[in-house]
Amino acid sequence: MPDVTEQQARRLIAFATQRMGQVEGNGQCWTLVDNGFRSVGFHKPSATYRWGRVVEQLANARPGDVFQFSNFRVAVRIESADGSWTEATQSRGAPRHTAILESIDANGVATFLESNVNDSFDVQRNRFHVRTADLEEGGDRTTVRVSGSFTIYRPQVSE
C-alpha cells in the first residue's frame, strides 16, 4: 500500500485541529487517530497500535505521521547564566499513548495533536522534545533527557 501524500496527511491534521477543545469519541488517545483515519479514508492495519508503515528515523518524520509512545518521559532542565535553574518533566504512554505529529523543528521539539493527556479528554495541541539534546542559547543551557520509546508510523491508503 502506498504512503499518504503530504496533502492527504494535512487532512488528518485538519480533522484533529477541527476538534480542538472537544472530546472526540470516548476521549481516548487512539480514538482521535482511529476516527481521523476513518474520516479521511486511511488504511488501518488490524494490529491494535499499528498505524501504517514504520518510519525508522526521527529525521524522516513528517506532519501527519502517528507516534505511538511507550513509557516515554522527557526531563528538561534550563540553567541560567546567573546560576538559577528550572526543571520540568512530561510523560506519554503508561504504557502507551497515540498522537498525530503536526510539526517538528531542528532541535527535536515536536507539536502533537492528542487527547487523553494533562488530565483532560479534550483534543489538545502540545509541544515537547522527542530526542535527547544539550542546547545553549543566550547564556542559558538546556539539557533534555528522554527515556522510553516511540514508534513512528506513516499512514497508508488502500490502492
N, C-alpha and C. Protein backbone atom coordinates (compact mmCIF):
# COMPACT_ATOMS: atom_id res chain seq x y z
N MET A 1 0.82 -1.18 0.00
CA MET A 1 0.00 0.00 0.00
C MET A 1 0.87 1.25 0.00
N PRO A 2 0.45 2.27 -0.74
CA PRO A 2 1.27 3.49 -0.78
C PRO A 2 1.08 4.35 0.48
N ASP A 3 2.14 5.09 0.80
CA ASP A 3 2.07 6.07 1.89
C ASP A 3 1.11 7.18 1.49
N VAL A 4 0.55 7.85 2.50
CA VAL A 4 -0.26 9.02 2.21
C VAL A 4 0.64 10.13 1.68
N THR A 5 0.08 10.98 0.86
CA THR A 5 0.82 12.15 0.37
C THR A 5 0.81 13.22 1.47
N GLU A 6 1.63 14.25 1.30
CA GLU A 6 1.62 15.34 2.27
C GLU A 6 0.25 16.01 2.31
N GLN A 7 -0.39 16.13 1.16
CA GLN A 7 -1.73 16.73 1.09
C GLN A 7 -2.74 15.87 1.86
N GLN A 8 -2.67 14.55 1.69
CA GLN A 8 -3.57 13.66 2.42
C GLN A 8 -3.30 13.73 3.92
N ALA A 9 -2.02 13.81 4.30
CA ALA A 9 -1.66 13.90 5.72
C ALA A 9 -2.24 15.17 6.33
N ARG A 10 -2.28 16.26 5.57
CA ARG A 10 -2.86 17.51 6.07
C ARG A 10 -4.34 17.34 6.41
N ARG A 11 -5.03 16.43 5.72
CA ARG A 11 -6.44 16.17 6.02
C ARG A 11 -6.59 15.55 7.41
N LEU A 12 -5.66 14.66 7.79
CA LEU A 12 -5.70 14.07 9.13
C LEU A 12 -5.44 15.15 10.18
N ILE A 13 -4.48 16.03 9.93
CA ILE A 13 -4.19 17.13 10.84
C ILE A 13 -5.41 18.05 10.96
N ALA A 14 -6.05 18.34 9.84
CA ALA A 14 -7.25 19.19 9.86
C ALA A 14 -8.37 18.54 10.66
N PHE A 15 -8.54 17.23 10.51
CA PHE A 15 -9.55 16.51 11.29
C PHE A 15 -9.33 16.76 12.77
N ALA A 16 -8.09 16.61 13.23
CA ALA A 16 -7.79 16.78 14.66
C ALA A 16 -7.91 18.24 15.09
N THR A 17 -7.42 19.18 14.30
CA THR A 17 -7.48 20.58 14.71
C THR A 17 -8.92 21.09 14.77
N GLN A 18 -9.78 20.56 13.94
CA GLN A 18 -11.20 20.96 13.98
C GLN A 18 -11.87 20.50 15.27
N ARG A 19 -11.25 19.60 15.99
CA ARG A 19 -11.83 19.07 17.23
C ARG A 19 -11.14 19.60 18.48
N MET A 20 -10.24 20.57 18.29
CA MET A 20 -9.51 21.14 19.42
C MET A 20 -10.49 21.61 20.50
N GLY A 21 -10.19 21.26 21.75
CA GLY A 21 -11.01 21.67 22.87
C GLY A 21 -12.28 20.85 23.05
N GLN A 22 -12.44 19.81 22.23
CA GLN A 22 -13.62 18.95 22.32
C GLN A 22 -13.18 17.51 22.58
N VAL A 23 -14.08 16.73 23.11
CA VAL A 23 -13.82 15.30 23.29
C VAL A 23 -14.18 14.60 21.99
N GLU A 24 -13.25 13.86 21.43
CA GLU A 24 -13.50 13.08 20.21
C GLU A 24 -13.83 11.65 20.62
N GLY A 25 -15.01 11.18 20.26
CA GLY A 25 -15.42 9.82 20.61
C GLY A 25 -15.43 9.63 22.11
N ASN A 26 -14.73 8.60 22.57
CA ASN A 26 -14.67 8.32 24.01
C ASN A 26 -13.53 9.07 24.71
N GLY A 27 -12.81 9.92 23.97
CA GLY A 27 -11.74 10.72 24.56
C GLY A 27 -10.41 10.04 24.69
N GLN A 28 -10.32 8.77 24.32
CA GLN A 28 -9.05 8.07 24.39
C GLN A 28 -8.12 8.54 23.26
N CYS A 29 -6.83 8.47 23.50
CA CYS A 29 -5.85 8.97 22.53
C CYS A 29 -5.96 8.25 21.18
N TRP A 30 -6.12 6.95 21.21
CA TRP A 30 -6.18 6.19 19.96
C TRP A 30 -7.47 6.46 19.20
N THR A 31 -8.54 6.85 19.91
CA THR A 31 -9.82 7.12 19.26
C THR A 31 -9.70 8.32 18.33
N LEU A 32 -8.98 9.36 18.74
CA LEU A 32 -8.77 10.52 17.87
C LEU A 32 -8.14 10.08 16.56
N VAL A 33 -7.10 9.26 16.63
CA VAL A 33 -6.40 8.81 15.43
C VAL A 33 -7.28 7.86 14.62
N ASP A 34 -7.91 6.91 15.28
CA ASP A 34 -8.76 5.95 14.59
C ASP A 34 -9.92 6.64 13.88
N ASN A 35 -10.60 7.55 14.56
CA ASN A 35 -11.70 8.28 13.92
C ASN A 35 -11.19 9.15 12.78
N GLY A 36 -10.01 9.73 12.96
CA GLY A 36 -9.41 10.51 11.88
C GLY A 36 -9.11 9.66 10.67
N PHE A 37 -8.54 8.47 10.88
CA PHE A 37 -8.26 7.56 9.77
C PHE A 37 -9.55 7.21 9.03
N ARG A 38 -10.60 6.91 9.77
CA ARG A 38 -11.88 6.55 9.15
C ARG A 38 -12.45 7.72 8.36
N SER A 39 -12.35 8.92 8.91
CA SER A 39 -12.91 10.10 8.28
C SER A 39 -12.23 10.45 6.96
N VAL A 40 -10.89 10.32 6.93
CA VAL A 40 -10.15 10.72 5.73
C VAL A 40 -9.80 9.55 4.81
N GLY A 41 -10.19 8.33 5.20
CA GLY A 41 -10.02 7.17 4.32
C GLY A 41 -8.65 6.52 4.34
N PHE A 42 -7.93 6.65 5.45
CA PHE A 42 -6.63 5.98 5.57
C PHE A 42 -6.84 4.52 5.95
N HIS A 43 -5.89 3.68 5.56
CA HIS A 43 -5.93 2.26 5.89
C HIS A 43 -5.46 2.06 7.32
N LYS A 44 -6.20 1.31 8.10
CA LYS A 44 -5.81 0.97 9.47
C LYS A 44 -5.49 -0.51 9.52
N PRO A 45 -4.19 -0.85 9.71
CA PRO A 45 -3.85 -2.27 9.86
C PRO A 45 -4.62 -2.89 11.02
N SER A 46 -4.74 -4.20 11.00
CA SER A 46 -5.54 -4.88 12.03
C SER A 46 -4.87 -4.88 13.40
N ALA A 47 -3.55 -4.76 13.47
CA ALA A 47 -2.87 -4.71 14.77
C ALA A 47 -3.32 -3.46 15.52
N THR A 48 -3.63 -3.61 16.78
CA THR A 48 -4.26 -2.54 17.57
C THR A 48 -3.50 -1.22 17.54
N TYR A 49 -2.22 -1.21 17.81
CA TYR A 49 -1.48 0.05 17.91
C TYR A 49 -0.55 0.27 16.72
N ARG A 50 -0.87 -0.31 15.60
CA ARG A 50 -0.08 -0.12 14.38
C ARG A 50 -0.88 0.80 13.48
N TRP A 51 -0.22 1.84 12.95
CA TRP A 51 -0.93 2.89 12.22
C TRP A 51 -0.44 3.06 10.79
N GLY A 52 0.33 2.11 10.27
CA GLY A 52 0.84 2.21 8.90
C GLY A 52 2.23 1.63 8.81
N ARG A 53 3.02 2.21 7.90
CA ARG A 53 4.40 1.76 7.69
C ARG A 53 5.30 2.42 8.73
N VAL A 54 6.21 1.64 9.32
CA VAL A 54 7.14 2.18 10.32
C VAL A 54 8.16 3.08 9.63
N VAL A 55 8.34 4.27 10.20
CA VAL A 55 9.37 5.21 9.76
C VAL A 55 10.54 5.02 10.72
N GLU A 56 11.67 4.60 10.20
CA GLU A 56 12.79 4.18 11.05
C GLU A 56 13.53 5.33 11.73
N GLN A 57 13.62 6.48 11.10
CA GLN A 57 14.43 7.59 11.62
C GLN A 57 13.57 8.79 11.96
N LEU A 58 13.81 9.39 13.12
CA LEU A 58 13.10 10.60 13.51
C LEU A 58 13.27 11.69 12.47
N ALA A 59 14.45 11.77 11.85
CA ALA A 59 14.71 12.79 10.84
C ALA A 59 13.77 12.66 9.64
N ASN A 60 13.18 11.50 9.44
CA ASN A 60 12.27 11.28 8.31
C ASN A 60 10.80 11.49 8.68
N ALA A 61 10.53 11.80 9.95
CA ALA A 61 9.13 12.04 10.36
C ALA A 61 8.61 13.29 9.67
N ARG A 62 7.32 13.26 9.36
CA ARG A 62 6.71 14.44 8.73
C ARG A 62 5.30 14.64 9.29
N PRO A 63 4.77 15.85 9.14
CA PRO A 63 3.43 16.13 9.65
C PRO A 63 2.42 15.09 9.13
N GLY A 64 1.55 14.66 10.05
CA GLY A 64 0.55 13.65 9.72
C GLY A 64 0.98 12.25 10.10
N ASP A 65 2.25 12.05 10.45
CA ASP A 65 2.69 10.75 10.95
C ASP A 65 2.09 10.54 12.34
N VAL A 66 1.97 9.29 12.72
CA VAL A 66 1.40 8.94 14.02
C VAL A 66 2.52 8.38 14.90
N PHE A 67 2.65 8.95 16.10
CA PHE A 67 3.63 8.48 17.07
C PHE A 67 2.91 7.59 18.07
N GLN A 68 3.49 6.43 18.30
CA GLN A 68 2.99 5.51 19.32
C GLN A 68 4.04 5.47 20.42
N PHE A 69 3.77 6.16 21.53
CA PHE A 69 4.70 6.25 22.65
C PHE A 69 4.52 5.08 23.59
N SER A 70 5.63 4.67 24.20
CA SER A 70 5.60 3.62 25.21
C SER A 70 6.47 4.05 26.38
N ASN A 71 5.83 4.31 27.52
CA ASN A 71 6.55 4.73 28.73
C ASN A 71 7.57 5.82 28.44
N PHE A 72 7.15 6.84 27.69
CA PHE A 72 8.03 7.92 27.24
C PHE A 72 8.04 9.04 28.28
N ARG A 73 9.23 9.53 28.58
CA ARG A 73 9.39 10.60 29.57
C ARG A 73 10.43 11.59 29.07
N VAL A 74 10.14 12.89 29.26
CA VAL A 74 11.04 13.97 28.87
C VAL A 74 11.34 14.80 30.11
N ALA A 75 12.62 14.97 30.42
CA ALA A 75 13.04 15.85 31.51
C ALA A 75 13.85 16.99 30.89
N VAL A 76 13.42 18.23 31.17
CA VAL A 76 14.08 19.41 30.62
C VAL A 76 14.57 20.27 31.78
N ARG A 77 15.86 20.54 31.77
CA ARG A 77 16.47 21.40 32.80
C ARG A 77 17.09 22.60 32.10
N ILE A 78 16.71 23.80 32.55
CA ILE A 78 17.25 25.03 31.98
C ILE A 78 18.05 25.73 33.07
N GLU A 79 19.35 25.91 32.79
CA GLU A 79 20.25 26.59 33.73
C GLU A 79 20.58 27.96 33.16
N SER A 80 20.31 29.00 33.95
CA SER A 80 20.58 30.37 33.52
C SER A 80 22.00 30.77 33.89
N ALA A 81 22.50 31.80 33.22
CA ALA A 81 23.85 32.29 33.47
C ALA A 81 24.03 32.75 34.91
N ASP A 82 22.94 33.19 35.56
CA ASP A 82 23.04 33.66 36.96
C ASP A 82 23.04 32.52 37.97
N GLY A 83 22.99 31.27 37.49
CA GLY A 83 23.04 30.11 38.38
C GLY A 83 21.67 29.55 38.75
N SER A 84 20.61 30.26 38.43
CA SER A 84 19.28 29.73 38.71
C SER A 84 18.92 28.66 37.67
N TRP A 85 17.95 27.84 38.01
CA TRP A 85 17.55 26.78 37.09
C TRP A 85 16.09 26.41 37.30
N THR A 86 15.51 25.81 36.27
CA THR A 86 14.17 25.25 36.36
C THR A 86 14.22 23.85 35.74
N GLU A 87 13.31 23.02 36.19
CA GLU A 87 13.26 21.67 35.63
C GLU A 87 11.80 21.25 35.53
N ALA A 88 11.48 20.60 34.42
CA ALA A 88 10.12 20.12 34.20
C ALA A 88 10.18 18.75 33.54
N THR A 89 9.18 17.93 33.81
CA THR A 89 9.09 16.63 33.15
C THR A 89 7.70 16.47 32.55
N GLN A 90 7.66 15.72 31.47
CA GLN A 90 6.41 15.33 30.83
C GLN A 90 6.52 13.85 30.52
N SER A 91 5.38 13.19 30.48
CA SER A 91 5.40 11.79 30.10
C SER A 91 4.23 11.49 29.19
N ARG A 92 4.41 10.47 28.38
CA ARG A 92 3.37 9.99 27.48
C ARG A 92 3.46 8.47 27.47
N GLY A 93 2.31 7.84 27.60
CA GLY A 93 2.28 6.40 27.46
C GLY A 93 2.61 5.66 28.71
N ALA A 94 1.60 5.33 29.45
CA ALA A 94 1.77 4.47 30.61
C ALA A 94 0.70 3.39 30.54
N PRO A 95 0.83 2.40 29.71
CA PRO A 95 2.06 2.08 28.98
C PRO A 95 2.15 2.67 27.57
N ARG A 96 1.01 3.04 26.92
CA ARG A 96 1.08 3.52 25.53
C ARG A 96 0.30 4.82 25.37
N HIS A 97 0.69 5.59 24.34
CA HIS A 97 -0.04 6.82 24.01
C HIS A 97 0.10 7.05 22.50
N THR A 98 -0.98 7.48 21.86
CA THR A 98 -1.02 7.70 20.43
C THR A 98 -1.24 9.17 20.14
N ALA A 99 -0.46 9.76 19.23
CA ALA A 99 -0.59 11.18 18.91
C ALA A 99 -0.25 11.42 17.44
N ILE A 100 -0.82 12.50 16.89
CA ILE A 100 -0.57 12.89 15.50
C ILE A 100 0.47 14.00 15.49
N LEU A 101 1.53 13.82 14.71
CA LEU A 101 2.57 14.84 14.58
C LEU A 101 2.05 15.98 13.71
N GLU A 102 2.11 17.20 14.25
CA GLU A 102 1.74 18.38 13.47
C GLU A 102 2.98 19.05 12.89
N SER A 103 4.07 19.10 13.67
CA SER A 103 5.32 19.68 13.18
C SER A 103 6.46 19.24 14.09
N ILE A 104 7.68 19.42 13.57
CA ILE A 104 8.88 19.14 14.37
C ILE A 104 9.98 20.08 13.90
N ASP A 105 10.76 20.62 14.86
CA ASP A 105 11.83 21.54 14.48
C ASP A 105 13.19 20.85 14.54
N ALA A 106 14.22 21.58 14.17
CA ALA A 106 15.58 21.01 14.09
C ALA A 106 16.12 20.60 15.45
N ASN A 107 15.59 21.16 16.54
CA ASN A 107 16.05 20.80 17.88
C ASN A 107 15.30 19.61 18.47
N GLY A 108 14.38 19.02 17.69
CA GLY A 108 13.64 17.87 18.19
C GLY A 108 12.45 18.23 19.04
N VAL A 109 11.97 19.48 18.92
CA VAL A 109 10.75 19.87 19.62
C VAL A 109 9.60 19.64 18.65
N ALA A 110 8.67 18.80 19.05
CA ALA A 110 7.56 18.41 18.18
C ALA A 110 6.25 18.97 18.73
N THR A 111 5.35 19.26 17.82
CA THR A 111 3.99 19.66 18.18
C THR A 111 3.07 18.51 17.80
N PHE A 112 2.27 18.07 18.77
CA PHE A 112 1.37 16.95 18.57
C PHE A 112 -0.07 17.37 18.79
N LEU A 113 -0.95 16.71 18.07
CA LEU A 113 -2.39 16.79 18.31
C LEU A 113 -2.75 15.49 19.00
N GLU A 114 -3.35 15.60 20.18
CA GLU A 114 -3.55 14.42 21.01
C GLU A 114 -4.70 14.63 21.97
N SER A 115 -5.16 13.55 22.55
CA SER A 115 -6.19 13.63 23.58
C SER A 115 -5.84 12.66 24.70
N ASN A 116 -6.59 12.78 25.80
CA ASN A 116 -6.35 11.99 26.99
C ASN A 116 -4.95 12.25 27.56
N VAL A 117 -4.63 13.55 27.70
CA VAL A 117 -3.38 13.98 28.34
C VAL A 117 -3.69 15.18 29.24
N ASN A 118 -2.80 15.42 30.18
CA ASN A 118 -2.93 16.59 31.07
C ASN A 118 -4.28 16.61 31.78
N ASP A 119 -4.73 15.44 32.22
CA ASP A 119 -5.99 15.30 32.96
C ASP A 119 -7.20 15.77 32.16
N SER A 120 -7.16 15.63 30.85
CA SER A 120 -8.28 16.06 30.00
C SER A 120 -8.45 15.09 28.84
N PHE A 121 -9.71 14.87 28.46
CA PHE A 121 -10.00 14.06 27.29
C PHE A 121 -10.17 14.92 26.03
N ASP A 122 -10.10 16.25 26.17
CA ASP A 122 -10.22 17.14 25.02
C ASP A 122 -9.04 16.98 24.08
N VAL A 123 -9.27 17.22 22.79
CA VAL A 123 -8.19 17.25 21.82
C VAL A 123 -7.35 18.51 22.10
N GLN A 124 -6.03 18.33 22.15
CA GLN A 124 -5.11 19.40 22.51
C GLN A 124 -3.94 19.45 21.54
N ARG A 125 -3.29 20.60 21.52
CA ARG A 125 -2.02 20.77 20.80
C ARG A 125 -0.95 20.95 21.88
N ASN A 126 0.05 20.08 21.88
CA ASN A 126 1.12 20.14 22.87
C ASN A 126 2.47 20.03 22.20
N ARG A 127 3.45 20.75 22.77
CA ARG A 127 4.83 20.73 22.26
C ARG A 127 5.75 20.13 23.32
N PHE A 128 6.62 19.23 22.87
CA PHE A 128 7.65 18.71 23.76
C PHE A 128 8.76 18.07 22.94
N HIS A 129 9.91 17.92 23.60
CA HIS A 129 11.08 17.33 22.97
C HIS A 129 10.86 15.83 22.76
N VAL A 130 11.37 15.32 21.64
CA VAL A 130 11.29 13.88 21.39
C VAL A 130 12.67 13.24 21.24
N ARG A 131 13.72 14.04 21.49
CA ARG A 131 15.07 13.46 21.48
C ARG A 131 15.94 14.16 22.51
N THR A 132 16.93 13.46 23.00
CA THR A 132 17.89 14.00 23.95
C THR A 132 18.71 15.09 23.25
N ALA A 133 18.99 16.17 24.00
CA ALA A 133 19.74 17.28 23.42
C ALA A 133 20.38 18.11 24.52
N ASP A 134 21.48 18.76 24.17
CA ASP A 134 22.12 19.78 25.00
C ASP A 134 22.18 21.03 24.15
N LEU A 135 21.49 22.07 24.59
CA LEU A 135 21.36 23.29 23.80
C LEU A 135 21.84 24.49 24.61
N GLU A 136 22.47 25.44 23.94
CA GLU A 136 22.86 26.69 24.59
C GLU A 136 22.36 27.84 23.74
N GLU A 137 21.74 28.81 24.45
CA GLU A 137 21.20 29.96 23.74
C GLU A 137 21.13 31.14 24.70
N GLY A 138 21.76 32.24 24.32
CA GLY A 138 21.70 33.46 25.12
C GLY A 138 22.17 33.28 26.55
N GLY A 139 23.16 32.47 26.79
CA GLY A 139 23.68 32.24 28.14
C GLY A 139 22.95 31.17 28.92
N ASP A 140 21.84 30.68 28.39
CA ASP A 140 21.10 29.60 29.04
C ASP A 140 21.54 28.27 28.47
N ARG A 141 21.60 27.28 29.32
CA ARG A 141 21.93 25.92 28.90
C ARG A 141 20.71 25.04 29.17
N THR A 142 20.24 24.37 28.13
CA THR A 142 19.09 23.48 28.26
C THR A 142 19.55 22.05 28.06
N THR A 143 19.24 21.21 29.03
CA THR A 143 19.56 19.79 28.96
C THR A 143 18.25 19.02 28.85
N VAL A 144 18.12 18.26 27.78
CA VAL A 144 16.91 17.47 27.55
C VAL A 144 17.28 16.00 27.59
N ARG A 145 16.60 15.25 28.43
CA ARG A 145 16.83 13.81 28.50
C ARG A 145 15.50 13.09 28.27
N VAL A 146 15.51 12.15 27.35
CA VAL A 146 14.31 11.37 27.08
C VAL A 146 14.57 9.91 27.44
N SER A 147 13.51 9.25 27.86
CA SER A 147 13.59 7.82 28.12
C SER A 147 12.29 7.19 27.63
N GLY A 148 12.28 5.88 27.57
CA GLY A 148 11.14 5.18 26.98
C GLY A 148 11.34 5.12 25.48
N SER A 149 10.25 4.95 24.75
CA SER A 149 10.41 4.81 23.31
C SER A 149 9.16 5.29 22.57
N PHE A 150 9.31 5.39 21.27
CA PHE A 150 8.17 5.65 20.40
C PHE A 150 8.43 4.99 19.07
N THR A 151 7.35 4.68 18.38
CA THR A 151 7.41 4.19 17.01
C THR A 151 6.67 5.20 16.16
N ILE A 152 7.25 5.54 15.02
CA ILE A 152 6.64 6.49 14.10
C ILE A 152 6.00 5.68 12.97
N TYR A 153 4.74 5.98 12.69
CA TYR A 153 4.03 5.31 11.61
C TYR A 153 3.63 6.32 10.54
N ARG A 154 3.88 5.94 9.31
CA ARG A 154 3.40 6.72 8.16
C ARG A 154 2.10 6.11 7.71
N PRO A 155 0.98 6.84 7.81
CA PRO A 155 -0.30 6.30 7.35
C PRO A 155 -0.24 5.91 5.88
N GLN A 156 -1.10 4.99 5.51
CA GLN A 156 -1.17 4.49 4.14
C GLN A 156 -2.60 4.53 3.65
N VAL A 157 -2.72 4.49 2.33
CA VAL A 157 -4.05 4.46 1.71
C VAL A 157 -4.18 3.17 0.91
N SER A 158 -5.40 2.67 0.83
CA SER A 158 -5.64 1.47 0.02
C SER A 158 -5.49 1.83 -1.45
N GLU A 159 -4.95 0.92 -2.22
CA GLU A 159 -4.77 1.18 -3.66
C GLU A 159 -6.05 1.03 -4.42
